[in-house]
Amino acid sequence: MAYSEDHIALAAEYALGTLDADERAQVETMMAVDSEFTAIVRAWEYRLGALNQMVGSIEPRPIVWENIKAAIGHSTEQRAPLTLPGTPPPSPPEQPVAAEAPPPAGDTSNVVRLSAARAKRWRNVASIATALAAALVAMLAVQVYQPDLLPEALRPKPRIQTVEVKTPAAPPVPSAQYVALLQRDAGSPAFILTVDAATKNFTVRRVGAEAEPGKSFELWLISDKLPRPRSLGVIGGSDFTARPVLADFDASTINAATYAVTVEQAGGSPTGQPTSAPIYTGKLIETVPGR
């Protein structure tokens, strides 16, 4: 439904609380029958509510109320009631007086009174809008510079922004590398044993040894710190055999031990101890220093 400027101004003055009793009753009647007009009133109440939150309660002096009552008693100006668009205006109350002659054709007093009332109402609306704009500007300034002065509901919510900074991964630190040539009588090496100091993993590379049919080569660790040789497993038939079993020993034992290869039955020694004398032996030497 389309509303006139007077309807909108009336809704604003109702929200502000500047209407007299008759006009407030008229607005409340219009709100009861028209939900769209009620929405206009509620919108003005929401806009003006910010002013109410920013201004504290102040008790007026007693003389103010006396002046208001005096002004009400002396005021005789009546405003023309408004009606919703499309509805007939209310019938004027019956007066027990004699019929008056119609005003002269040149009489424009009613027009002057209506224009003055409309101008006054819109001056009030303009004052409301100006005050509302000033309050919003002041509230925004306080939110930026002194948010602690605002009520809790009007304080800006803190914004937390998480920034993920990715740093390049540190280059891996090279670990020390050790190598032992497992050979017989300073001849050509049969196996090359490589040990990584950081992971304690070892790799055996077959160079020139060939196992007999039905036999297996088994690698042993021999150290003065151990009561007997410890098996490091059977060397496989491929060129490389990698194992992590050195993790059970400390670094000094690994670096100082003697590594030996024996010939055992297929699958390794059944007793966990060498069943024959070592045929290839060697000790570790550091080939790549660690940091």
C-alpha atoms as a PDB file:
ATOM      1  CA  MET A   1       0.000   0.000   0.000  1.00  0.00           C
ATOM      2  CA  ALA A   2       1.286   3.498  -0.866  1.00  0.00           C
ATOM      3  CA  TYR A   3       1.508   5.920   2.040  1.00  0.00           C
ATOM      4  CA  SER A   4       1.574   9.685   1.893  1.00  0.00           C
ATOM      5  CA  GLU A   5       4.266  11.857   3.375  1.00  0.00           C
ATOM      6  CA  ASP A   6       1.893  12.705   6.227  1.00  0.00           C
ATOM      7  CA  HIS A   7       1.531   9.014   7.143  1.00  0.00           C
ATOM      8  CA  ILE A   8       5.297   8.534   7.261  1.00  0.00           C
ATOM      9  CA  ALA A   9       5.765  11.693   9.300  1.00  0.00           C
ATOM     10  CA  LEU A  10       3.017  10.591  11.678  1.00  0.00           C
ATOM     11  CA  ALA A  11       4.752   7.233  12.176  1.00  0.00           C
ATOM     12  CA  ALA A  12       8.045   9.007  12.916  1.00  0.00           C
ATOM     13  CA  GLU A  13       6.461  11.336  15.472  1.00  0.00           C
ATOM     14  CA  TYR A  14       4.727   8.375  17.109  1.00  0.00           C
ATOM     15  CA  ALA A  15       8.068   6.609  17.490  1.00  0.00           C
ATOM     16  CA  LEU A  16       9.641   9.803  18.819  1.00  0.00           C
ATOM     17  CA  GLY A  17       6.757  10.377  21.272  1.00  0.00           C
ATOM     18  CA  THR A  18       5.752  13.901  20.239  1.00  0.00           C
ATOM     19  CA  LEU A  19       2.063  13.221  19.398  1.00  0.00           C
ATOM     20  CA  ASP A  20      -0.810  14.175  21.627  1.00  0.00           C
ATOM     21  CA  ALA A  21      -3.224  11.617  23.061  1.00  0.00           C
ATOM     22  CA  ASP A  22      -5.730  11.812  20.200  1.00  0.00           C
ATOM     23  CA  GLU A  23      -3.065  11.424  17.532  1.00  0.00           C
ATOM     24  CA  ARG A  24      -1.425   8.502  19.355  1.00  0.00           C
ATOM     25  CA  ALA A  25      -4.811   6.777  19.564  1.00  0.00           C
ATOM     26  CA  GLN A  26      -5.287   7.386  15.840  1.00  0.00           C
ATOM     27  CA  VAL A  27      -1.862   5.838  15.029  1.00  0.00           C
ATOM     28  CA  GLU A  28      -2.523   2.835  17.266  1.00  0.00           C
ATOM     29  CA  THR A  29      -5.849   2.253  15.524  1.00  0.00           C
ATOM     30  CA  MET A  30      -4.134   2.377  12.127  1.00  0.00           C
ATOM     31  CA  MET A  31      -1.473  -0.060  13.376  1.00  0.00           C
ATOM     32  CA  ALA A  32      -4.145  -2.477  14.584  1.00  0.00           C
ATOM     33  CA  VAL A  33      -5.716  -2.764  11.120  1.00  0.00           C
ATOM     34  CA  ASP A  34      -2.673  -2.328   8.861  1.00  0.00           C
ATOM     35  CA  SER A  35       0.441  -4.473   9.325  1.00  0.00           C
ATOM     36  CA  GLU A  36       2.399  -2.520   6.682  1.00  0.00           C
ATOM     37  CA  PHE A  37       1.872   0.735   8.536  1.00  0.00           C
ATOM     38  CA  THR A  38       2.925  -1.066  11.727  1.00  0.00           C
ATOM     39  CA  ALA A  39       6.165  -2.028   9.979  1.00  0.00           C
ATOM     40  CA  ILE A  40       6.821   1.642   9.158  1.00  0.00           C
ATOM     41  CA  VAL A  41       6.353   2.583  12.817  1.00  0.00           C
ATOM     42  CA  ARG A  42       8.633  -0.242  13.977  1.00  0.00           C
ATOM     43  CA  ALA A  43      11.300   0.844  11.484  1.00  0.00           C
ATOM     44  CA  TRP A  44      11.290   4.348  12.950  1.00  0.00           C
ATOM     45  CA  GLU A  45      11.455   2.916  16.474  1.00  0.00           C
ATOM     46  CA  TYR A  46      14.517   0.860  15.455  1.00  0.00           C
ATOM     47  CA  ARG A  47      16.265   3.888  13.912  1.00  0.00           C
ATOM     48  CA  LEU A  48      15.575   6.089  16.911  1.00  0.00           C
ATOM     49  CA  GLY A  49      16.499   3.329  19.369  1.00  0.00           C
ATOM     50  CA  ALA A  50      20.203   4.041  18.791  1.00  0.00           C
ATOM     51  CA  LEU A  51      19.692   7.546  20.155  1.00  0.00           C
ATOM     52  CA  ASN A  52      18.086   6.135  23.278  1.00  0.00           C
ATOM     53  CA  GLN A  53      21.018   3.756  23.894  1.00  0.00           C
ATOM     54  CA  MET A  54      23.634   6.466  23.517  1.00  0.00           C
ATOM     55  CA  VAL A  55      21.960   8.945  25.883  1.00  0.00           C
ATOM     56  CA  GLY A  56      21.640   8.187  29.564  1.00  0.00           C
ATOM     57  CA  SER A  57      18.510   8.823  31.609  1.00  0.00           C
ATOM     58  CA  ILE A  58      18.244  12.372  32.974  1.00  0.00           C
ATOM     59  CA  GLU A  59      15.616  13.386  35.523  1.00  0.00           C
ATOM     60  CA  PRO A  60      14.073  16.727  34.444  1.00  0.00           C
ATOM     61  CA  ARG A  61      13.550  19.553  36.916  1.00  0.00           C
ATOM     62  CA  PRO A  62      10.042  19.913  38.407  1.00  0.00           C
ATOM     63  CA  ILE A  63       9.576  23.251  36.622  1.00  0.00           C
ATOM     64  CA  VAL A  64       9.785  21.484  33.254  1.00  0.00           C
ATOM     65  CA  TRP A  65       6.648  19.423  33.914  1.00  0.00           C
ATOM     66  CA  GLU A  66       4.805  22.513  35.178  1.00  0.00           C
ATOM     67  CA  ASN A  67       5.683  24.379  31.977  1.00  0.00           C
ATOM     68  CA  ILE A  68       4.483  21.429  29.874  1.00  0.00           C
ATOM     69  CA  LYS A  69       1.115  21.341  31.629  1.00  0.00           C
ATOM     70  CA  ALA A  70       0.773  25.071  31.219  1.00  0.00           C
ATOM     71  CA  ALA A  71       1.587  24.857  27.519  1.00  0.00           C
ATOM     72  CA  ILE A  72      -0.960  22.036  27.056  1.00  0.00           C
ATOM     73  CA  GLY A  73      -3.643  24.097  28.741  1.00  0.00           C
ATOM     74  CA  HIS A  74      -3.034  27.108  26.518  1.00  0.00           C
ATOM     75  CA  SER A  75      -2.756  25.127  23.280  1.00  0.00           C
ATOM     76  CA  THR A  76      -5.947  25.119  21.249  1.00  0.00           C
ATOM     77  CA  GLU A  77      -4.531  24.037  17.880  1.00  0.00           C
ATOM     78  CA  GLN A  78      -5.987  20.768  16.631  1.00  0.00           C
ATOM     79  CA  ARG A  79      -4.442  18.687  13.867  1.00  0.00           C
ATOM     80  CA  ALA A  80      -6.531  17.124  11.154  1.00  0.00           C
ATOM     81  CA  PRO A  81      -6.699  13.311  11.684  1.00  0.00           C
ATOM     82  CA  LEU A  82      -5.134  11.095   9.040  1.00  0.00           C
ATOM     83  CA  THR A  83      -6.677   7.998   7.551  1.00  0.00           C
ATOM     84  CA  LEU A  84      -5.197   5.062   5.660  1.00  0.00           C
ATOM     85  CA  PRO A  85      -5.188   5.293   1.865  1.00  0.00           C
ATOM     86  CA  GLY A  86      -8.411   3.906   0.436  1.00  0.00           C
ATOM     87  CA  THR A  87     -10.467   4.230   3.650  1.00  0.00           C
ATOM     88  CA  PRO A  88     -13.143   6.878   4.198  1.00  0.00           C
ATOM     89  CA  PRO A  89     -12.340   9.584   6.743  1.00  0.00           C
ATOM     90  CA  PRO A  90     -14.129   9.374  10.107  1.00  0.00           C
ATOM     91  CA  SER A  91     -17.414  11.213  10.425  1.00  0.00           C
ATOM     92  CA  PRO A  92     -17.171  14.454  12.372  1.00  0.00           C
ATOM     93  CA  PRO A  93     -18.964  14.467  15.733  1.00  0.00           C
ATOM     94  CA  GLU A  94     -22.444  15.889  15.774  1.00  0.00           C
ATOM     95  CA  GLN A  95     -22.656  19.385  17.176  1.00  0.00           C
ATOM     96  CA  PRO A  96     -25.944  20.734  18.569  1.00  0.00           C
ATOM     97  CA  VAL A  97     -25.536  24.043  16.849  1.00  0.00           C
ATOM     98  CA  ALA A  98     -27.267  25.701  14.026  1.00  0.00           C
ATOM     99  CA  ALA A  99     -25.978  25.156  10.508  1.00  0.00           C
ATOM    100  CA  GLU A 100     -23.427  27.687   9.455  1.00  0.00           C
ATOM    101  CA  ALA A 101     -23.195  29.282   6.091  1.00  0.00           C
ATOM    102  CA  PRO A 102     -20.490  27.861   3.806  1.00  0.00           C
ATOM    103  CA  PRO A 103     -17.294  29.877   3.757  1.00  0.00           C
ATOM    104  CA  PRO A 104     -16.856  32.374   0.986  1.00  0.00           C
ATOM    105  CA  ALA A 105     -15.253  31.169  -2.203  1.00  0.00           C
ATOM    106  CA  GLY A 106     -12.115  33.196  -1.458  1.00  0.00           C
ATOM    107  CA  ASP A 107     -11.686  31.844   2.102  1.00  0.00           C
ATOM    108  CA  THR A 108      -8.373  29.829   2.252  1.00  0.00           C
ATOM    109  CA  SER A 109      -7.955  29.589   6.015  1.00  0.00           C
ATOM    110  CA  ASN A 110      -8.389  25.778   6.007  1.00  0.00           C
ATOM    111  CA  VAL A 111      -5.706  25.408   3.342  1.00  0.00           C
ATOM    112  CA  VAL A 112      -3.346  27.638   5.317  1.00  0.00           C
ATOM    113  CA  ARG A 113      -3.923  25.617   8.513  1.00  0.00           C
ATOM    114  CA  LEU A 114      -3.359  22.281   6.704  1.00  0.00           C
ATOM    115  CA  SER A 115      -0.164  23.529   5.035  1.00  0.00           C
ATOM    116  CA  ALA A 116       1.152  24.868   8.340  1.00  0.00           C
ATOM    117  CA  ALA A 117       0.437  21.555  10.112  1.00  0.00           C
ATOM    118  CA  ARG A 118       2.140  19.578   7.347  1.00  0.00           C
ATOM    119  CA  ALA A 119       5.166  21.900   7.347  1.00  0.00           C
ATOM    120  CA  LYS A 120       5.457  21.625  11.118  1.00  0.00           C
ATOM    121  CA  ARG A 121       5.252  17.847  10.974  1.00  0.00           C
ATOM    122  CA  TRP A 122       7.941  17.607   8.310  1.00  0.00           C
ATOM    123  CA  ARG A 123      10.145  20.041  10.217  1.00  0.00           C
ATOM    124  CA  ASN A 124       9.902  17.600  13.116  1.00  0.00           C
ATOM    125  CA  VAL A 125      10.785  14.664  10.837  1.00  0.00           C
ATOM    126  CA  ALA A 126      13.737  16.588   9.398  1.00  0.00           C
ATOM    127  CA  SER A 127      14.968  17.309  12.925  1.00  0.00           C
ATOM    128  CA  ILE A 128      14.641  13.625  13.780  1.00  0.00           C
ATOM    129  CA  ALA A 129      16.591  12.567  10.689  1.00  0.00           C
ATOM    130  CA  THR A 130      19.321  15.139  11.390  1.00  0.00           C
ATOM    131  CA  ALA A 131      19.643  14.004  14.992  1.00  0.00           C
ATOM    132  CA  LEU A 132      19.709  10.368  13.903  1.00  0.00           C
ATOM    133  CA  ALA A 133      22.457  11.011  11.335  1.00  0.00           C
ATOM    134  CA  ALA A 134      24.530  12.937  13.869  1.00  0.00           C
ATOM    135  CA  ALA A 135      24.094  10.153  16.411  1.00  0.00           C
ATOM    136  CA  LEU A 136      25.197   7.519  13.910  1.00  0.00           C
ATOM    137  CA  VAL A 137      28.291   9.543  13.003  1.00  0.00           C
ATOM    138  CA  ALA A 138      29.123  10.001  16.675  1.00  0.00           C
ATOM    139  CA  MET A 139      28.573   6.310  17.368  1.00  0.00           C
ATOM    140  CA  LEU A 140      30.868   5.301  14.503  1.00  0.00           C
ATOM    141  CA  ALA A 141      33.561   7.663  15.752  1.00  0.00           C
ATOM    142  CA  VAL A 142      33.307   6.245  19.248  1.00  0.00           C
ATOM    143  CA  GLN A 143      33.433   2.682  17.893  1.00  0.00           C
ATOM    144  CA  VAL A 144      36.709   3.484  16.131  1.00  0.00           C
ATOM    145  CA  TYR A 145      38.498   5.563  18.761  1.00  0.00           C
ATOM    146  CA  GLN A 146      36.912   4.779  22.161  1.00  0.00           C
ATOM    147  CA  PRO A 147      34.804   1.595  21.898  1.00  0.00           C
ATOM    148  CA  ASP A 148      34.887   1.072  25.674  1.00  0.00           C
ATOM    149  CA  LEU A 149      32.513   4.036  26.115  1.00  0.00           C
ATOM    150  CA  LEU A 150      29.710   2.263  24.231  1.00  0.00           C
ATOM    151  CA  PRO A 151      27.212  -0.175  25.759  1.00  0.00           C
ATOM    152  CA  GLU A 152      28.150  -3.832  25.414  1.00  0.00           C
ATOM    153  CA  ALA A 153      25.589  -4.419  22.642  1.00  0.00           C
ATOM    154  CA  LEU A 154      27.039  -1.633  20.449  1.00  0.00           C
ATOM    155  CA  ARG A 155      30.711  -2.409  20.861  1.00  0.00           C
ATOM    156  CA  PRO A 156      32.401  -3.722  17.714  1.00  0.00           C
ATOM    157  CA  LYS A 157      33.168  -7.408  17.846  1.00  0.00           C
ATOM    158  CA  PRO A 158      36.890  -8.203  17.763  1.00  0.00           C
ATOM    159  CA  ARG A 159      37.983  -9.754  14.517  1.00  0.00           C
ATOM    160  CA  ILE A 160      40.614 -12.449  14.695  1.00  0.00           C
ATOM    161  CA  GLN A 161      42.418 -13.259  11.498  1.00  0.00           C
ATOM    162  CA  THR A 162      44.654 -16.277  11.388  1.00  0.00           C
ATOM    163  CA  VAL A 163      47.519 -16.004   8.953  1.00  0.00           C
ATOM    164  CA  GLU A 164      49.425 -19.104   8.053  1.00  0.00           C
ATOM    165  CA  VAL A 165      53.044 -18.394   7.270  1.00  0.00           C
ATOM    166  CA  LYS A 166      54.801 -21.222   5.555  1.00  0.00           C
ATOM    167  CA  THR A 167      58.527 -21.303   6.130  1.00  0.00           C
ATOM    168  CA  PRO A 168      60.718 -23.330   3.831  1.00  0.00           C
ATOM    169  CA  ALA A 169      61.726 -26.633   5.289  1.00  0.00           C
ATOM    170  CA  ALA A 170      65.246 -26.767   6.589  1.00  0.00           C
ATOM    171  CA  PRO A 171      67.563 -28.768   4.356  1.00  0.00           C
ATOM    172  CA  PRO A 172      68.273 -32.199   5.752  1.00  0.00           C
ATOM    173  CA  VAL A 173      71.469 -32.446   7.731  1.00  0.00           C
ATOM    174  CA  PRO A 174      73.715 -35.082   6.168  1.00  0.00           C
ATOM    175  CA  SER A 175      74.548 -37.919   8.527  1.00  0.00           C
ATOM    176  CA  ALA A 176      77.847 -39.730   8.772  1.00  0.00           C
ATOM    177  CA  GLN A 177      78.325 -42.701   6.493  1.00  0.00           C
ATOM    178  CA  TYR A 178      80.508 -45.713   7.282  1.00  0.00           C
ATOM    179  CA  VAL A 179      81.767 -48.459   4.943  1.00  0.00           C
ATOM    180  CA  ALA A 180      83.404 -51.835   5.598  1.00  0.00           C
ATOM    181  CA  LEU A 181      85.037 -54.046   2.953  1.00  0.00           C
ATOM    182  CA  LEU A 182      84.309 -57.651   3.841  1.00  0.00           C
ATOM    183  CA  GLN A 183      87.094 -59.679   2.248  1.00  0.00           C
ATOM    184  CA  ARG A 184      89.474 -62.585   2.784  1.00  0.00           C
ATOM    185  CA  ASP A 185      93.228 -62.097   3.222  1.00  0.00           C
ATOM    186  CA  ALA A 186      93.323 -58.582   1.754  1.00  0.00           C
ATOM    187  CA  GLY A 187      92.098 -59.916  -1.540  1.00  0.00           C
ATOM    188  CA  SER A 188      89.256 -58.599  -3.610  1.00  0.00           C
ATOM    189  CA  PRO A 189      86.213 -57.658  -1.468  1.00  0.00           C
ATOM    190  CA  ALA A 190      83.368 -60.146  -1.447  1.00  0.00           C
ATOM    191  CA  PHE A 191      80.844 -57.728   0.116  1.00  0.00           C
ATOM    192  CA  ILE A 192      80.637 -53.964   0.823  1.00  0.00           C
ATOM    193  CA  LEU A 193      78.835 -53.046   4.044  1.00  0.00           C
ATOM    194  CA  THR A 194      77.435 -49.461   4.308  1.00  0.00           C
ATOM    195  CA  VAL A 195      76.030 -48.063   7.574  1.00  0.00           C
ATOM    196  CA  ASP A 196      74.064 -44.798   8.043  1.00  0.00           C
ATOM    197  CA  ALA A 197      74.959 -43.271  11.418  1.00  0.00           C
ATOM    198  CA  ALA A 198      71.645 -41.421  11.836  1.00  0.00           C
ATOM    199  CA  THR A 199      69.236 -44.266  11.096  1.00  0.00           C
ATOM    200  CA  LYS A 200      71.606 -47.164  11.899  1.00  0.00           C
ATOM    201  CA  ASN A 201      70.352 -48.934   8.803  1.00  0.00           C
ATOM    202  CA  PHE A 202      72.884 -50.977   6.885  1.00  0.00           C
ATOM    203  CA  THR A 203      73.132 -52.223   3.317  1.00  0.00           C
ATOM    204  CA  VAL A 204      75.204 -55.162   2.102  1.00  0.00           C
ATOM    205  CA  ARG A 205      76.221 -55.182  -1.540  1.00  0.00           C
ATOM    206  CA  ARG A 206      77.368 -58.445  -3.060  1.00  0.00           C
ATOM    207  CA  VAL A 207      80.556 -57.910  -5.087  1.00  0.00           C
ATOM    208  CA  GLY A 208      82.292 -61.202  -5.857  1.00  0.00           C
ATOM    209  CA  ALA A 209      81.029 -63.901  -3.485  1.00  0.00           C
ATOM    210  CA  GLU A 210      78.824 -66.711  -4.735  1.00  0.00           C
ATOM    211  CA  ALA A 211      77.010 -69.019  -2.309  1.00  0.00           C
ATOM    212  CA  GLU A 212      77.268 -72.770  -2.711  1.00  0.00           C
ATOM    213  CA  PRO A 213      74.101 -74.690  -3.558  1.00  0.00           C
ATOM    214  CA  GLY A 214      72.097 -75.372  -0.387  1.00  0.00           C
ATOM    215  CA  LYS A 215      74.160 -72.822   1.590  1.00  0.00           C
ATOM    216  CA  SER A 216      73.608 -69.205   2.722  1.00  0.00           C
ATOM    217  CA  PHE A 217      75.889 -66.351   3.683  1.00  0.00           C
ATOM    218  CA  GLU A 218      75.103 -64.954   7.164  1.00  0.00           C
ATOM    219  CA  LEU A 219      76.389 -61.610   8.528  1.00  0.00           C
ATOM    220  CA  TRP A 220      77.604 -61.327  12.137  1.00  0.00           C
ATOM    221  CA  LEU A 221      78.553 -58.472  14.478  1.00  0.00           C
ATOM    222  CA  ILE A 222      81.496 -59.316  16.767  1.00  0.00           C
ATOM    223  CA  SER A 223      82.317 -56.926  19.627  1.00  0.00           C
ATOM    224  CA  ASP A 224      84.253 -57.052  22.914  1.00  0.00           C
ATOM    225  CA  LYS A 225      81.133 -55.538  24.530  1.00  0.00           C
ATOM    226  CA  LEU A 226      79.068 -58.602  23.633  1.00  0.00           C
ATOM    227  CA  PRO A 227      79.515 -62.116  25.078  1.00  0.00           C
ATOM    228  CA  ARG A 228      79.035 -63.794  21.692  1.00  0.00           C
ATOM    229  CA  PRO A 229      78.598 -62.840  18.027  1.00  0.00           C
ATOM    230  CA  ARG A 230      75.208 -61.383  17.086  1.00  0.00           C
ATOM    231  CA  SER A 231      73.552 -62.366  13.837  1.00  0.00           C
ATOM    232  CA  LEU A 232      72.541 -59.528  11.529  1.00  0.00           C
ATOM    233  CA  GLY A 233      70.645 -61.886   9.242  1.00  0.00           C
ATOM    234  CA  VAL A 234      71.144 -63.875   6.075  1.00  0.00           C
ATOM    235  CA  ILE A 235      72.523 -62.028   3.067  1.00  0.00           C
ATOM    236  CA  GLY A 236      69.984 -62.355   0.263  1.00  0.00           C
ATOM    237  CA  GLY A 237      70.560 -63.643  -3.200  1.00  0.00           C
ATOM    238  CA  SER A 238      70.145 -60.192  -4.862  1.00  0.00           C
ATOM    239  CA  ASP A 239      72.909 -57.627  -5.271  1.00  0.00           C
ATOM    240  CA  PHE A 240      71.706 -55.513  -2.308  1.00  0.00           C
ATOM    241  CA  THR A 241      70.410 -56.531   1.119  1.00  0.00           C
ATOM    242  CA  ALA A 242      69.150 -53.784   3.471  1.00  0.00           C
ATOM    243  CA  ARG A 243      68.313 -54.272   7.137  1.00  0.00           C
ATOM    244  CA  PRO A 244      67.551 -52.011  10.181  1.00  0.00           C
ATOM    245  CA  VAL A 245      68.730 -54.429  12.898  1.00  0.00           C
ATOM    246  CA  LEU A 246      71.656 -52.221  14.008  1.00  0.00           C
ATOM    247  CA  ALA A 247      69.156 -50.016  15.865  1.00  0.00           C
ATOM    248  CA  ASP A 248      69.579 -52.381  18.850  1.00  0.00           C
ATOM    249  CA  PHE A 249      73.227 -51.284  19.331  1.00  0.00           C
ATOM    250  CA  ASP A 250      74.820 -48.034  20.462  1.00  0.00           C
ATOM    251  CA  ALA A 251      77.024 -46.016  18.131  1.00  0.00           C
ATOM    252  CA  SER A 252      80.339 -46.925  19.780  1.00  0.00           C
ATOM    253  CA  THR A 253      79.578 -50.655  19.494  1.00  0.00           C
ATOM    254  CA  ILE A 254      78.609 -50.288  15.827  1.00  0.00           C
ATOM    255  CA  ASN A 255      81.686 -48.258  14.898  1.00  0.00           C
ATOM    256  CA  ALA A 256      84.230 -50.452  16.715  1.00  0.00           C
ATOM    257  CA  ALA A 257      82.798 -53.898  15.921  1.00  0.00           C
ATOM    258  CA  THR A 258      84.135 -56.444  13.467  1.00  0.00           C
ATOM    259  CA  TYR A 259      81.737 -57.616  10.794  1.00  0.00           C
ATOM    260  CA  ALA A 260      82.076 -61.213   9.581  1.00  0.00           C
ATOM    261  CA  VAL A 261      80.390 -63.483   7.050  1.00  0.00           C
ATOM    262  CA  THR A 262      80.052 -67.231   7.541  1.00  0.00           C
ATOM    263  CA  VAL A 263      78.712 -69.981   5.324  1.00  0.00           C
ATOM    264  CA  GLU A 264      75.650 -71.574   6.938  1.00  0.00           C
ATOM    265  CA  GLN A 265      73.002 -74.001   5.842  1.00  0.00           C
ATOM    266  CA  ALA A 266      70.198 -72.597   3.706  1.00  0.00           C
ATOM    267  CA  GLY A 267      68.240 -70.046   5.728  1.00  0.00           C
ATOM    268  CA  GLY A 268      70.987 -69.369   8.280  1.00  0.00           C
ATOM    269  CA  SER A 269      72.357 -70.903  11.458  1.00  0.00           C
ATOM    270  CA  PRO A 270      69.742 -72.952  13.349  1.00  0.00           C
ATOM    271  CA  THR A 271      71.392 -72.234  16.718  1.00  0.00           C
ATOM    272  CA  GLY A 272      71.790 -68.459  16.480  1.00  0.00           C
ATOM    273  CA  GLN A 273      75.576 -68.855  16.588  1.00  0.00           C
ATOM    274  CA  PRO A 274      78.101 -69.348  13.774  1.00  0.00           C
ATOM    275  CA  THR A 275      78.537 -72.995  12.827  1.00  0.00           C
ATOM    276  CA  SER A 276      81.755 -72.330  10.873  1.00  0.00           C
ATOM    277  CA  ALA A 277      84.682 -69.953  10.932  1.00  0.00           C
ATOM    278  CA  PRO A 278      84.247 -66.563   9.232  1.00  0.00           C
ATOM    279  CA  ILE A 279      85.465 -66.442   5.650  1.00  0.00           C
ATOM    280  CA  TYR A 280      85.069 -62.672   5.090  1.00  0.00           C
ATOM    281  CA  THR A 281      85.688 -59.960   7.700  1.00  0.00           C
ATOM    282  CA  GLY A 282      86.069 -56.180   7.852  1.00  0.00           C
ATOM    283  CA  LYS A 283      85.738 -53.054  10.045  1.00  0.00           C
ATOM    284  CA  LEU A 284      83.884 -49.794   9.409  1.00  0.00           C
ATOM    285  CA  ILE A 285      85.659 -46.640   8.281  1.00  0.00           C
ATOM    286  CA  GLU A 286      84.022 -43.192   8.033  1.00  0.00           C
ATOM    287  CA  THR A 287      83.594 -42.109   4.428  1.00  0.00           C
ATOM    288  CA  VAL A 288      81.181 -39.128   4.840  1.00  0.00           C
ATOM    289  CA  PRO A 289      81.541 -37.018   8.002  1.00  0.00           C
ATOM    290  CA  GLY A 290      78.385 -35.941   9.746  1.00  0.00           C
ATOM    291  CA  ARG A 291      77.559 -32.404  10.939  1.00  0.00           C
END
